[in-house]
Amino acid sequence: MAERVACGLVQYIALRGDLLRVEKWPIGAIVAQACHASAAVLHQFREDPNTQLYFKNLDNMRKVVVEAKDEAELVGIADALQDDKMDFKLWTEQPENIATCLATKPYEKSDIQKYFKKLKLFK
């Protein structure tokens, strides 16, 4: 039963596309931002029932990585999630002190998808 429930869970990760295209960050640095945000939110909400179910089926974890065009769009998503009391981590890279990535804790896709629906997959 838990595996069936866990299969419906998804983690969304939004990365800033301008860091790659405008700021010319190396792809490895961009991927590191996603890793930081994902690890941080999963640790922060490790006792949450959704996170517990997500970890029970490690070989079938689902993530959707989307692209926010810039910092303003990323922060706008964070504001909408916060307004609706959705759990997430907005990763702020130091020492630059700029928001680079946002990751949600695992949610049912139907509960979280609307915040990211207008964004394209990161490529």
PDB file of N, CA and C in Angstrom:
ATOM      1  N   MET A   1       0.826  -1.197   0.000  1.00  0.00           N
ATOM      2  CA  MET A   1       0.000   0.000   0.000  1.00  0.00           C
ATOM      3  C   MET A   1       0.865   1.253   0.000  1.00  0.00           C
ATOM      4  N   ALA A   2       1.908   1.287   0.826  1.00  0.00           N
ATOM      5  CA  ALA A   2       2.767   2.469   0.905  1.00  0.00           C
ATOM      6  C   ALA A   2       3.438   2.746  -0.435  1.00  0.00           C
ATOM      7  N   GLU A   3       3.852   1.696  -1.160  1.00  0.00           N
ATOM      8  CA  GLU A   3       4.506   1.909  -2.445  1.00  0.00           C
ATOM      9  C   GLU A   3       3.560   2.569  -3.437  1.00  0.00           C
ATOM     10  N   ARG A   4       2.308   2.150  -3.427  1.00  0.00           N
ATOM     11  CA  ARG A   4       1.336   2.758  -4.340  1.00  0.00           C
ATOM     12  C   ARG A   4       1.182   4.232  -4.037  1.00  0.00           C
ATOM     13  N   VAL A   5       1.074   4.584  -2.770  1.00  0.00           N
ATOM     14  CA  VAL A   5       0.941   5.984  -2.372  1.00  0.00           C
ATOM     15  C   VAL A   5       2.203   6.754  -2.719  1.00  0.00           C
ATOM     16  N   ALA A   6       3.373   6.161  -2.415  1.00  0.00           N
ATOM     17  CA  ALA A   6       4.642   6.847  -2.663  1.00  0.00           C
ATOM     18  C   ALA A   6       4.843   7.134  -4.146  1.00  0.00           C
ATOM     19  N   CYS A   7       4.328   6.262  -5.010  1.00  0.00           N
ATOM     20  CA  CYS A   7       4.504   6.460  -6.447  1.00  0.00           C
ATOM     21  C   CYS A   7       3.826   7.724  -6.946  1.00  0.00           C
ATOM     22  N   GLY A   8       2.825   8.217  -6.244  1.00  0.00           N
ATOM     23  CA  GLY A   8       2.144   9.446  -6.642  1.00  0.00           C
ATOM     24  C   GLY A   8       2.848  10.699  -6.170  1.00  0.00           C
ATOM     25  N   LEU A   9       3.888  10.536  -5.373  1.00  0.00           N
ATOM     26  CA  LEU A   9       4.603  11.686  -4.841  1.00  0.00           C
ATOM     27  C   LEU A   9       5.665  12.162  -5.827  1.00  0.00           C
ATOM     28  N   VAL A  10       5.837  13.482  -5.871  1.00  0.00           N
ATOM     29  CA  VAL A  10       6.822  14.080  -6.757  1.00  0.00           C
ATOM     30  C   VAL A  10       7.461  15.280  -6.052  1.00  0.00           C
ATOM     31  N   GLN A  11       8.727  15.468  -6.339  1.00  0.00           N
ATOM     32  CA  GLN A  11       9.432  16.650  -5.840  1.00  0.00           C
ATOM     33  C   GLN A  11       9.689  17.560  -7.034  1.00  0.00           C
ATOM     34  N   TYR A  12       9.317  18.825  -6.898  1.00  0.00           N
ATOM     35  CA  TYR A  12       9.597  19.807  -7.938  1.00  0.00           C
ATOM     36  C   TYR A  12      10.850  20.588  -7.573  1.00  0.00           C
ATOM     37  N   ILE A  13      11.682  20.821  -8.580  1.00  0.00           N
ATOM     38  CA  ILE A  13      12.896  21.612  -8.432  1.00  0.00           C
ATOM     39  C   ILE A  13      12.884  22.657  -9.542  1.00  0.00           C
ATOM     40  N   ALA A  14      12.977  23.914  -9.158  1.00  0.00           N
ATOM     41  CA  ALA A  14      13.016  25.008 -10.134  1.00  0.00           C
ATOM     42  C   ALA A  14      14.393  25.667 -10.076  1.00  0.00           C
ATOM     43  N   LEU A  15      15.056  25.680 -11.223  1.00  0.00           N
ATOM     44  CA  LEU A  15      16.376  26.289 -11.364  1.00  0.00           C
ATOM     45  C   LEU A  15      16.271  27.540 -12.228  1.00  0.00           C
ATOM     46  N   ARG A  16      17.122  28.501 -11.956  1.00  0.00           N
ATOM     47  CA  ARG A  16      17.152  29.720 -12.765  1.00  0.00           C
ATOM     48  C   ARG A  16      17.890  29.489 -14.072  1.00  0.00           C
ATOM     49  N   GLY A  17      17.203  29.654 -15.182  1.00  0.00           N
ATOM     50  CA  GLY A  17      17.809  29.495 -16.496  1.00  0.00           C
ATOM     51  C   GLY A  17      18.800  30.583 -16.834  1.00  0.00           C
ATOM     52  N   ASP A  18      18.604  31.783 -16.269  1.00  0.00           N
ATOM     53  CA  ASP A  18      19.510  32.879 -16.585  1.00  0.00           C
ATOM     54  C   ASP A  18      20.919  32.654 -16.034  1.00  0.00           C
ATOM     55  N   LEU A  19      21.037  31.823 -15.015  1.00  0.00           N
ATOM     56  CA  LEU A  19      22.373  31.535 -14.499  1.00  0.00           C
ATOM     57  C   LEU A  19      23.212  30.817 -15.550  1.00  0.00           C
ATOM     58  N   LEU A  20      22.568  29.984 -16.345  1.00  0.00           N
ATOM     59  CA  LEU A  20      23.250  29.245 -17.401  1.00  0.00           C
ATOM     60  C   LEU A  20      23.447  30.121 -18.643  1.00  0.00           C
ATOM     61  N   ARG A  21      22.385  30.749 -19.094  1.00  0.00           N
ATOM     62  CA  ARG A  21      22.397  31.450 -20.374  1.00  0.00           C
ATOM     63  C   ARG A  21      22.963  32.865 -20.317  1.00  0.00           C
ATOM     64  N   VAL A  22      22.688  33.597 -19.251  1.00  0.00           N
ATOM     65  CA  VAL A  22      23.128  34.992 -19.149  1.00  0.00           C
ATOM     66  C   VAL A  22      24.400  35.117 -18.311  1.00  0.00           C
ATOM     67  N   GLU A  23      24.374  34.505 -17.139  1.00  0.00           N
ATOM     68  CA  GLU A  23      25.513  34.615 -16.224  1.00  0.00           C
ATOM     69  C   GLU A  23      26.647  33.650 -16.568  1.00  0.00           C
ATOM     70  N   LYS A  24      26.339  32.669 -17.462  1.00  0.00           N
ATOM     71  CA  LYS A  24      27.341  31.709 -17.944  1.00  0.00           C
ATOM     72  C   LYS A  24      27.947  30.838 -16.840  1.00  0.00           C
ATOM     73  N   TRP A  25      27.100  30.453 -15.868  1.00  0.00           N
ATOM     74  CA  TRP A  25      27.565  29.507 -14.857  1.00  0.00           C
ATOM     75  C   TRP A  25      27.800  28.161 -15.529  1.00  0.00           C
ATOM     76  N   PRO A  26      28.805  27.421 -15.090  1.00  0.00           N
ATOM     77  CA  PRO A  26      29.009  26.072 -15.627  1.00  0.00           C
ATOM     78  C   PRO A  26      27.831  25.171 -15.248  1.00  0.00           C
ATOM     79  N   ILE A  27      27.526  24.200 -16.102  1.00  0.00           N
ATOM     80  CA  ILE A  27      26.395  23.309 -15.855  1.00  0.00           C
ATOM     81  C   ILE A  27      26.556  22.568 -14.527  1.00  0.00           C
ATOM     82  N   GLY A  28      27.791  22.226 -14.174  1.00  0.00           N
ATOM     83  CA  GLY A  28      28.028  21.549 -12.892  1.00  0.00           C
ATOM     84  C   GLY A  28      27.608  22.402 -11.710  1.00  0.00           C
ATOM     85  N   ALA A  29      27.847  23.691 -11.788  1.00  0.00           N
ATOM     86  CA  ALA A  29      27.438  24.595 -10.710  1.00  0.00           C
ATOM     87  C   ALA A  29      25.919  24.692 -10.621  1.00  0.00           C
ATOM     88  N   ILE A  30      25.258  24.656 -11.761  1.00  0.00           N
ATOM     89  CA  ILE A  30      23.789  24.691 -11.789  1.00  0.00           C
ATOM     90  C   ILE A  30      23.225  23.409 -11.168  1.00  0.00           C
ATOM     91  N   VAL A  31      23.785  22.275 -11.565  1.00  0.00           N
ATOM     92  CA  VAL A  31      23.332  20.995 -11.014  1.00  0.00           C
ATOM     93  C   VAL A  31      23.568  20.973  -9.502  1.00  0.00           C
ATOM     94  N   ALA A  32      24.678  21.534  -9.045  1.00  0.00           N
ATOM     95  CA  ALA A  32      24.960  21.577  -7.608  1.00  0.00           C
ATOM     96  C   ALA A  32      23.882  22.358  -6.857  1.00  0.00           C
ATOM     97  N   GLN A  33      23.350  23.414  -7.458  1.00  0.00           N
ATOM     98  CA  GLN A  33      22.293  24.193  -6.811  1.00  0.00           C
ATOM     99  C   GLN A  33      21.057  23.327  -6.585  1.00  0.00           C
ATOM    100  N   ALA A  34      20.710  22.523  -7.590  1.00  0.00           N
ATOM    101  CA  ALA A  34      19.559  21.624  -7.455  1.00  0.00           C
ATOM    102  C   ALA A  34      19.809  20.588  -6.365  1.00  0.00           C
ATOM    103  N   CYS A  35      21.029  20.071  -6.327  1.00  0.00           N
ATOM    104  CA  CYS A  35      21.372  19.085  -5.294  1.00  0.00           C
ATOM    105  C   CYS A  35      21.285  19.696  -3.901  1.00  0.00           C
ATOM    106  N   HIS A  36      21.820  20.907  -3.749  1.00  0.00           N
ATOM    107  CA  HIS A  36      21.763  21.591  -2.451  1.00  0.00           C
ATOM    108  C   HIS A  36      20.308  21.766  -1.989  1.00  0.00           C
ATOM    109  N   ALA A  37      19.477  22.303  -2.875  1.00  0.00           N
ATOM    110  CA  ALA A  37      18.086  22.588  -2.509  1.00  0.00           C
ATOM    111  C   ALA A  37      17.316  21.307  -2.212  1.00  0.00           C
ATOM    112  N   SER A  38      17.515  20.281  -3.025  1.00  0.00           N
ATOM    113  CA  SER A  38      16.810  19.019  -2.824  1.00  0.00           C
ATOM    114  C   SER A  38      17.224  18.369  -1.511  1.00  0.00           C
ATOM    115  N   ALA A  39      18.527  18.277  -1.274  1.00  0.00           N
ATOM    116  CA  ALA A  39      19.006  17.665  -0.032  1.00  0.00           C
ATOM    117  C   ALA A  39      18.522  18.448   1.181  1.00  0.00           C
ATOM    118  N   ALA A  40      18.560  19.763   1.097  1.00  0.00           N
ATOM    119  CA  ALA A  40      18.157  20.600   2.231  1.00  0.00           C
ATOM    120  C   ALA A  40      16.680  20.419   2.577  1.00  0.00           C
ATOM    121  N   VAL A  41      15.808  20.438   1.568  1.00  0.00           N
ATOM    122  CA  VAL A  41      14.377  20.335   1.860  1.00  0.00           C
ATOM    123  C   VAL A  41      14.014  18.933   2.339  1.00  0.00           C
ATOM    124  N   LEU A  42      14.658  17.912   1.778  1.00  0.00           N
ATOM    125  CA  LEU A  42      14.368  16.553   2.225  1.00  0.00           C
ATOM    126  C   LEU A  42      14.854  16.329   3.660  1.00  0.00           C
ATOM    127  N   HIS A  43      15.961  16.945   4.004  1.00  0.00           N
ATOM    128  CA  HIS A  43      16.436  16.848   5.386  1.00  0.00           C
ATOM    129  C   HIS A  43      15.532  17.654   6.327  1.00  0.00           C
ATOM    130  N   GLN A  44      15.201  18.861   5.913  1.00  0.00           N
ATOM    131  CA  GLN A  44      14.368  19.740   6.745  1.00  0.00           C
ATOM    132  C   GLN A  44      13.017  19.098   7.058  1.00  0.00           C
ATOM    133  N   PHE A  45      12.452  18.380   6.103  1.00  0.00           N
ATOM    134  CA  PHE A  45      11.131  17.782   6.283  1.00  0.00           C
ATOM    135  C   PHE A  45      11.213  16.255   6.346  1.00  0.00           C
ATOM    136  N   ARG A  46      12.317  15.737   6.881  1.00  0.00           N
ATOM    137  CA  ARG A  46      12.554  14.289   6.936  1.00  0.00           C
ATOM    138  C   ARG A  46      11.524  13.549   7.774  1.00  0.00           C
ATOM    139  N   GLU A  47      10.880  14.206   8.731  1.00  0.00           N
ATOM    140  CA  GLU A  47       9.864  13.555   9.568  1.00  0.00           C
ATOM    141  C   GLU A  47       8.463  13.665   8.982  1.00  0.00           C
ATOM    142  N   ASP A  48       8.309  14.408   7.895  1.00  0.00           N
ATOM    143  CA  ASP A  48       7.008  14.585   7.260  1.00  0.00           C
ATOM    144  C   ASP A  48       6.542  13.256   6.654  1.00  0.00           C
ATOM    145  N   PRO A  49       5.264  12.923   6.790  1.00  0.00           N
ATOM    146  CA  PRO A  49       4.763  11.652   6.240  1.00  0.00           C
ATOM    147  C   PRO A  49       5.027  11.485   4.739  1.00  0.00           C
ATOM    148  N   ASN A  50       4.892  12.560   3.956  1.00  0.00           N
ATOM    149  CA  ASN A  50       5.158  12.451   2.518  1.00  0.00           C
ATOM    150  C   ASN A  50       6.623  12.123   2.254  1.00  0.00           C
ATOM    151  N   THR A  51       7.515  12.757   2.989  1.00  0.00           N
ATOM    152  CA  THR A  51       8.942  12.498   2.808  1.00  0.00           C
ATOM    153  C   THR A  51       9.270  11.071   3.219  1.00  0.00           C
ATOM    154  N   GLN A  52       8.672  10.610   4.297  1.00  0.00           N
ATOM    155  CA  GLN A  52       8.895   9.235   4.736  1.00  0.00           C
ATOM    156  C   GLN A  52       8.460   8.237   3.658  1.00  0.00           C
ATOM    157  N   LEU A  53       7.292   8.456   3.068  1.00  0.00           N
ATOM    158  CA  LEU A  53       6.818   7.574   1.994  1.00  0.00           C
ATOM    159  C   LEU A  53       7.728   7.654   0.773  1.00  0.00           C
ATOM    160  N   TYR A  54       8.173   8.846   0.447  1.00  0.00           N
ATOM    161  CA  TYR A  54       9.066   9.056  -0.698  1.00  0.00           C
ATOM    162  C   TYR A  54      10.339   8.235  -0.545  1.00  0.00           C
ATOM    163  N   PHE A  55      10.867   8.189   0.669  1.00  0.00           N
ATOM    164  CA  PHE A  55      12.102   7.452   0.934  1.00  0.00           C
ATOM    165  C   PHE A  55      11.896   5.935   0.988  1.00  0.00           C
ATOM    166  N   LYS A  56      10.673   5.499   1.144  1.00  0.00           N
ATOM    167  CA  LYS A  56      10.421   4.052   1.210  1.00  0.00           C
ATOM    168  C   LYS A  56      10.525   3.386  -0.160  1.00  0.00           C
ATOM    169  N   ASN A  57      10.552   4.181  -1.209  1.00  0.00           N
ATOM    170  CA  ASN A  57      10.616   3.633  -2.556  1.00  0.00           C
ATOM    171  C   ASN A  57      11.698   4.376  -3.347  1.00  0.00           C
ATOM    172  N   LEU A  58      12.933   4.295  -2.857  1.00  0.00           N
ATOM    173  CA  LEU A  58      14.040   5.074  -3.411  1.00  0.00           C
ATOM    174  C   LEU A  58      14.259   4.861  -4.906  1.00  0.00           C
ATOM    175  N   ASP A  59      14.068   3.656  -5.367  1.00  0.00           N
ATOM    176  CA  ASP A  59      14.315   3.382  -6.778  1.00  0.00           C
ATOM    177  C   ASP A  59      13.262   3.988  -7.704  1.00  0.00           C
ATOM    178  N   ASN A  60      12.210   4.523  -7.131  1.00  0.00           N
ATOM    179  CA  ASN A  60      11.141   5.109  -7.942  1.00  0.00           C
ATOM    180  C   ASN A  60      10.837   6.556  -7.561  1.00  0.00           C
ATOM    181  N   MET A  61      11.818   7.237  -6.979  1.00  0.00           N
ATOM    182  CA  MET A  61      11.604   8.652  -6.644  1.00  0.00           C
ATOM    183  C   MET A  61      11.356   9.431  -7.944  1.00  0.00           C
ATOM    184  N   ARG A  62      10.423  10.368  -7.874  1.00  0.00           N
ATOM    185  CA  ARG A  62      10.106  11.204  -9.030  1.00  0.00           C
ATOM    186  C   ARG A  62      10.438  12.648  -8.721  1.00  0.00           C
ATOM    187  N   LYS A  63      11.171  13.259  -9.639  1.00  0.00           N
ATOM    188  CA  LYS A  63      11.498  14.679  -9.551  1.00  0.00           C
ATOM    189  C   LYS A  63      11.166  15.312 -10.891  1.00  0.00           C
ATOM    190  N   VAL A  64      10.697  16.541 -10.844  1.00  0.00           N
ATOM    191  CA  VAL A  64      10.473  17.311 -12.056  1.00  0.00           C
ATOM    192  C   VAL A  64      11.328  18.563 -11.924  1.00  0.00           C
ATOM    193  N   VAL A  65      12.248  18.758 -12.876  1.00  0.00           N
ATOM    194  CA  VAL A  65      13.157  19.902 -12.838  1.00  0.00           C
ATOM    195  C   VAL A  65      12.725  20.884 -13.914  1.00  0.00           C
ATOM    196  N   VAL A  66      12.331  22.063 -13.461  1.00  0.00           N
ATOM    197  CA  VAL A  66      11.812  23.089 -14.362  1.00  0.00           C
ATOM    198  C   VAL A  66      12.693  24.332 -14.302  1.00  0.00           C
ATOM    199  N   GLU A  67      12.464  25.219 -15.263  1.00  0.00           N
ATOM    200  CA  GLU A  67      13.282  26.421 -15.383  1.00  0.00           C
ATOM    201  C   GLU A  67      12.483  27.680 -15.080  1.00  0.00           C
ATOM    202  N   ALA A  68      12.969  28.432 -14.088  1.00  0.00           N
ATOM    203  CA  ALA A  68      12.478  29.782 -13.852  1.00  0.00           C
ATOM    204  C   ALA A  68      13.382  30.705 -14.667  1.00  0.00           C
ATOM    205  N   LYS A  69      12.824  31.723 -15.279  1.00  0.00           N
ATOM    206  CA  LYS A  69      13.644  32.540 -16.178  1.00  0.00           C
ATOM    207  C   LYS A  69      14.685  33.368 -15.435  1.00  0.00           C
ATOM    208  N   ASP A  70      14.362  33.773 -14.181  1.00  0.00           N
ATOM    209  CA  ASP A  70      15.299  34.611 -13.437  1.00  0.00           C
ATOM    210  C   ASP A  70      14.964  34.572 -11.949  1.00  0.00           C
ATOM    211  N   GLU A  71      15.711  35.347 -11.171  1.00  0.00           N
ATOM    212  CA  GLU A  71      15.509  35.346  -9.727  1.00  0.00           C
ATOM    213  C   GLU A  71      14.120  35.837  -9.340  1.00  0.00           C
ATOM    214  N   ALA A  72      13.614  36.839 -10.028  1.00  0.00           N
ATOM    215  CA  ALA A  72      12.286  37.372  -9.711  1.00  0.00           C
ATOM    216  C   ALA A  72      11.208  36.303  -9.876  1.00  0.00           C
ATOM    217  N   GLU A  73      11.283  35.521 -10.945  1.00  0.00           N
ATOM    218  CA  GLU A  73      10.291  34.466 -11.147  1.00  0.00           C
ATOM    219  C   GLU A  73      10.422  33.383 -10.080  1.00  0.00           C
ATOM    220  N   LEU A  74      11.650  33.044  -9.716  1.00  0.00           N
ATOM    221  CA  LEU A  74      11.884  32.034  -8.685  1.00  0.00           C
ATOM    222  C   LEU A  74      11.316  32.492  -7.342  1.00  0.00           C
ATOM    223  N   VAL A  75      11.570  33.732  -6.986  1.00  0.00           N
ATOM    224  CA  VAL A  75      11.060  34.278  -5.725  1.00  0.00           C
ATOM    225  C   VAL A  75       9.535  34.380  -5.762  1.00  0.00           C
ATOM    226  N   GLY A  76       8.979  34.674  -6.923  1.00  0.00           N
ATOM    227  CA  GLY A  76       7.520  34.707  -7.063  1.00  0.00           C
ATOM    228  C   GLY A  76       6.887  33.352  -6.774  1.00  0.00           C
ATOM    229  N   ILE A  77       7.524  32.295  -7.239  1.00  0.00           N
ATOM    230  CA  ILE A  77       7.041  30.939  -6.949  1.00  0.00           C
ATOM    231  C   ILE A  77       7.139  30.668  -5.452  1.00  0.00           C
ATOM    232  N   ALA A  78       8.253  31.060  -4.861  1.00  0.00           N
ATOM    233  CA  ALA A  78       8.432  30.883  -3.416  1.00  0.00           C
ATOM    234  C   ALA A  78       7.339  31.619  -2.646  1.00  0.00           C
ATOM    235  N   ASP A  79       7.025  32.822  -3.069  1.00  0.00           N
ATOM    236  CA  ASP A  79       5.970  33.602  -2.395  1.00  0.00           C
ATOM    237  C   ASP A  79       4.615  32.903  -2.495  1.00  0.00           C
ATOM    238  N   ALA A  80       4.292  32.367  -3.675  1.00  0.00           N
ATOM    239  CA  ALA A  80       3.017  31.671  -3.853  1.00  0.00           C
ATOM    240  C   ALA A  80       2.955  30.418  -2.988  1.00  0.00           C
ATOM    241  N   LEU A  81       4.050  29.664  -2.942  1.00  0.00           N
ATOM    242  CA  LEU A  81       4.097  28.468  -2.105  1.00  0.00           C
ATOM    243  C   LEU A  81       3.947  28.833  -0.629  1.00  0.00           C
ATOM    244  N   GLN A  82       4.634  29.882  -0.221  1.00  0.00           N
ATOM    245  CA  GLN A  82       4.562  30.309   1.181  1.00  0.00           C
ATOM    246  C   GLN A  82       3.150  30.779   1.534  1.00  0.00           C
ATOM    247  N   ASP A  83       2.532  31.531   0.640  1.00  0.00           N
ATOM    248  CA  ASP A  83       1.165  32.010   0.881  1.00  0.00           C
ATOM    249  C   ASP A  83       0.198  30.856   1.113  1.00  0.00           C
ATOM    250  N   ASP A  84       0.428  29.740   0.415  1.00  0.00           N
ATOM    251  CA  ASP A  84      -0.442  28.574   0.526  1.00  0.00           C
ATOM    252  C   ASP A  84       0.065  27.539   1.529  1.00  0.00           C
ATOM    253  N   LYS A  85       1.093  27.925   2.277  1.00  0.00           N
ATOM    254  CA  LYS A  85       1.654  27.066   3.331  1.00  0.00           C
ATOM    255  C   LYS A  85       2.155  25.723   2.797  1.00  0.00           C
ATOM    256  N   MET A  86       2.779  25.767   1.625  1.00  0.00           N
ATOM    257  CA  MET A  86       3.414  24.593   1.031  1.00  0.00           C
ATOM    258  C   MET A  86       4.874  24.584   1.483  1.00  0.00           C
ATOM    259  N   ASP A  87       5.427  23.413   1.715  1.00  0.00           N
ATOM    260  CA  ASP A  87       6.791  23.286   2.231  1.00  0.00           C
ATOM    261  C   ASP A  87       7.811  23.222   1.095  1.00  0.00           C
ATOM    262  N   PHE A  88       8.857  24.047   1.214  1.00  0.00           N
ATOM    263  CA  PHE A  88       9.882  24.127   0.182  1.00  0.00           C
ATOM    264  C   PHE A  88      11.144  24.737   0.786  1.00  0.00           C
ATOM    265  N   LYS A  89      12.204  24.709   0.005  1.00  0.00           N
ATOM    266  CA  LYS A  89      13.455  25.373   0.368  1.00  0.00           C
ATOM    267  C   LYS A  89      13.886  26.233  -0.810  1.00  0.00           C
ATOM    268  N   LEU A  90      14.066  27.515  -0.564  1.00  0.00           N
ATOM    269  CA  LEU A  90      14.623  28.419  -1.550  1.00  0.00           C
ATOM    270  C   LEU A  90      16.118  28.487  -1.256  1.00  0.00           C
ATOM    271  N   TRP A  91      16.928  27.924  -2.163  1.00  0.00           N
ATOM    272  CA  TRP A  91      18.365  27.877  -1.932  1.00  0.00           C
ATOM    273  C   TRP A  91      18.985  29.216  -2.316  1.00  0.00           C
ATOM    274  N   THR A  92      19.746  29.780  -1.365  1.00  0.00           N
ATOM    275  CA  THR A  92      20.436  31.043  -1.593  1.00  0.00           C
ATOM    276  C   THR A  92      21.934  30.778  -1.559  1.00  0.00           C
ATOM    277  N   GLU A  93      22.571  30.962  -2.690  1.00  0.00           N
ATOM    278  CA  GLU A  93      24.006  30.696  -2.806  1.00  0.00           C
ATOM    279  C   GLU A  93      24.805  31.796  -2.110  1.00  0.00           C
ATOM    280  N   GLN A  94      25.800  31.335  -1.351  1.00  0.00           N
ATOM    281  CA  GLN A  94      26.680  32.249  -0.625  1.00  0.00           C
ATOM    282  C   GLN A  94      28.093  32.108  -1.178  1.00  0.00           C
ATOM    283  N   PRO A  95      28.893  33.118  -1.213  1.00  0.00           N
ATOM    284  CA  PRO A  95      28.664  34.439  -0.617  1.00  0.00           C
ATOM    285  C   PRO A  95      27.909  35.408  -1.520  1.00  0.00           C
ATOM    286  N   GLU A  96      27.477  34.941  -2.694  1.00  0.00           N
ATOM    287  CA  GLU A  96      26.790  35.839  -3.626  1.00  0.00           C
ATOM    288  C   GLU A  96      25.458  36.356  -3.083  1.00  0.00           C
ATOM    289  N   ASN A  97      24.833  35.573  -2.182  1.00  0.00           N
ATOM    290  CA  ASN A  97      23.539  35.924  -1.585  1.00  0.00           C
ATOM    291  C   ASN A  97      22.448  36.095  -2.647  1.00  0.00           C
ATOM    292  N   ILE A  98      22.395  35.131  -3.582  1.00  0.00           N
ATOM    293  CA  ILE A  98      21.361  35.161  -4.614  1.00  0.00           C
ATOM    294  C   ILE A  98      20.580  33.850  -4.598  1.00  0.00           C
ATOM    295  N   ALA A  99      19.292  33.975  -4.782  1.00  0.00           N
ATOM    296  CA  ALA A  99      18.429  32.798  -4.858  1.00  0.00           C
ATOM    297  C   ALA A  99      18.696  32.110  -6.190  1.00  0.00           C
ATOM    298  N   THR A 100      19.039  30.820  -6.135  1.00  0.00           N
ATOM    299  CA  THR A 100      19.402  30.093  -7.345  1.00  0.00           C
ATOM    300  C   THR A 100      18.452  28.952  -7.685  1.00  0.00           C
ATOM    301  N   CYS A 101      17.802  28.387  -6.678  1.00  0.00           N
ATOM    302  CA  CYS A 101      17.013  27.178  -6.889  1.00  0.00           C
ATOM    303  C   CYS A 101      15.963  27.050  -5.798  1.00  0.00           C
ATOM    304  N   LEU A 102      14.897  26.374  -6.134  1.00  0.00           N
ATOM    305  CA  LEU A 102      13.831  26.100  -5.177  1.00  0.00           C
ATOM    306  C   LEU A 102      13.472  24.630  -5.318  1.00  0.00           C
ATOM    307  N   ALA A 103      13.316  23.956  -4.189  1.00  0.00           N
ATOM    308  CA  ALA A 103      12.883  22.557  -4.198  1.00  0.00           C
ATOM    309  C   ALA A 103      11.747  22.390  -3.192  1.00  0.00           C
ATOM    310  N   THR A 104      10.745  21.631  -3.587  1.00  0.00           N
ATOM    311  CA  THR A 104       9.636  21.340  -2.678  1.00  0.00           C
ATOM    312  C   THR A 104       9.907  20.015  -1.974  1.00  0.00           C
ATOM    313  N   LYS A 105       9.238  19.821  -0.869  1.00  0.00           N
ATOM    314  CA  LYS A 105       9.222  18.472  -0.307  1.00  0.00           C
ATOM    315  C   LYS A 105       8.329  17.638  -1.230  1.00  0.00           C
ATOM    316  N   PRO A 106       8.322  16.341  -1.109  1.00  0.00           N
ATOM    317  CA  PRO A 106       7.440  15.521  -1.951  1.00  0.00           C
ATOM    318  C   PRO A 106       5.959  15.796  -1.651  1.00  0.00           C
ATOM    319  N   TYR A 107       5.210  15.961  -2.706  1.00  0.00           N
ATOM    320  CA  TYR A 107       3.758  16.162  -2.636  1.00  0.00           C
ATOM    321  C   TYR A 107       3.104  15.302  -3.701  1.00  0.00           C
ATOM    322  N   GLU A 108       1.832  15.043  -3.526  1.00  0.00           N
ATOM    323  CA  GLU A 108       1.047  14.469  -4.615  1.00  0.00           C
ATOM    324  C   GLU A 108       1.094  15.469  -5.766  1.00  0.00           C
ATOM    325  N   LYS A 109       1.297  14.968  -6.962  1.00  0.00           N
ATOM    326  CA  LYS A 109       1.440  15.842  -8.120  1.00  0.00           C
ATOM    327  C   LYS A 109       0.256  16.795  -8.254  1.00  0.00           C
ATOM    328  N   SER A 110      -0.944  16.292  -7.987  1.00  0.00           N
ATOM    329  CA  SER A 110      -2.148  17.123  -8.112  1.00  0.00           C
ATOM    330  C   SER A 110      -2.165  18.281  -7.116  1.00  0.00           C
ATOM    331  N   ASP A 111      -1.415  18.178  -6.028  1.00  0.00           N
ATOM    332  CA  ASP A 111      -1.367  19.239  -5.020  1.00  0.00           C
ATOM    333  C   ASP A 111      -0.306  20.289  -5.303  1.00  0.00           C
ATOM    334  N   ILE A 112       0.725  19.957  -6.079  1.00  0.00           N
ATOM    335  CA  ILE A 112       1.870  20.854  -6.234  1.00  0.00           C
ATOM    336  C   ILE A 112       2.073  21.344  -7.665  1.00  0.00           C
ATOM    337  N   GLN A 113       1.570  20.620  -8.626  1.00  0.00           N
ATOM    338  CA  GLN A 113       1.842  20.923 -10.034  1.00  0.00           C
ATOM    339  C   GLN A 113       1.430  22.332 -10.449  1.00  0.00           C
ATOM    340  N   LYS A 114       0.357  22.859  -9.896  1.00  0.00           N
ATOM    341  CA  LYS A 114      -0.165  24.154 -10.346  1.00  0.00           C
ATOM    342  C   LYS A 114       0.842  25.296 -10.164  1.00  0.00           C
ATOM    343  N   TYR A 115       1.745  25.184  -9.221  1.00  0.00           N
ATOM    344  CA  TYR A 115       2.727  26.243  -8.981  1.00  0.00           C
ATOM    345  C   TYR A 115       3.813  26.273 -10.064  1.00  0.00           C
ATOM    346  N   PHE A 116       3.961  25.186 -10.794  1.00  0.00           N
ATOM    347  CA  PHE A 116       5.041  25.046 -11.764  1.00  0.00           C
ATOM    348  C   PHE A 116       4.549  24.828 -13.190  1.00  0.00           C
ATOM    349  N   LYS A 117       3.238  24.813 -13.368  1.00  0.00           N
ATOM    350  CA  LYS A 117       2.632  24.446 -14.642  1.00  0.00           C
ATOM    351  C   LYS A 117       3.079  25.326 -15.812  1.00  0.00           C
ATOM    352  N   LYS A 118       3.346  26.591 -15.557  1.00  0.00           N
ATOM    353  CA  LYS A 118       3.720  27.511 -16.626  1.00  0.00           C
ATOM    354  C   LYS A 118       5.199  27.434 -16.994  1.00  0.00           C
ATOM    355  N   LEU A 119       5.973  26.687 -16.215  1.00  0.00           N
ATOM    356  CA  LEU A 119       7.410  26.587 -16.472  1.00  0.00           C
ATOM    357  C   LEU A 119       7.714  25.389 -17.360  1.00  0.00           C
ATOM    358  N   LYS A 120       8.736  25.529 -18.172  1.00  0.00           N
ATOM    359  CA  LYS A 120       9.186  24.435 -19.032  1.00  0.00           C
ATOM    360  C   LYS A 120      10.216  23.599 -18.298  1.00  0.00           C
ATOM    361  N   LEU A 121      10.396  22.372 -18.765  1.00  0.00           N
ATOM    362  CA  LEU A 121      11.440  21.533 -18.200  1.00  0.00           C
ATOM    363  C   LEU A 121      12.800  22.209 -18.421  1.00  0.00           C
ATOM    364  N   PHE A 122      13.678  22.088 -17.448  1.00  0.00           N
ATOM    365  CA  PHE A 122      15.006  22.679 -17.553  1.00  0.00           C
ATOM    366  C   PHE A 122      15.810  21.921 -18.606  1.00  0.00           C
ATOM    367  N   LYS A 123      16.448  22.670 -19.511  1.00  0.00           N
ATOM    368  CA  LYS A 123      17.327  22.027 -20.494  1.00  0.00           C
ATOM    369  C   LYS A 123      18.446  22.947 -20.893  1.00  0.00           C
TER     370      LYS A 123
END
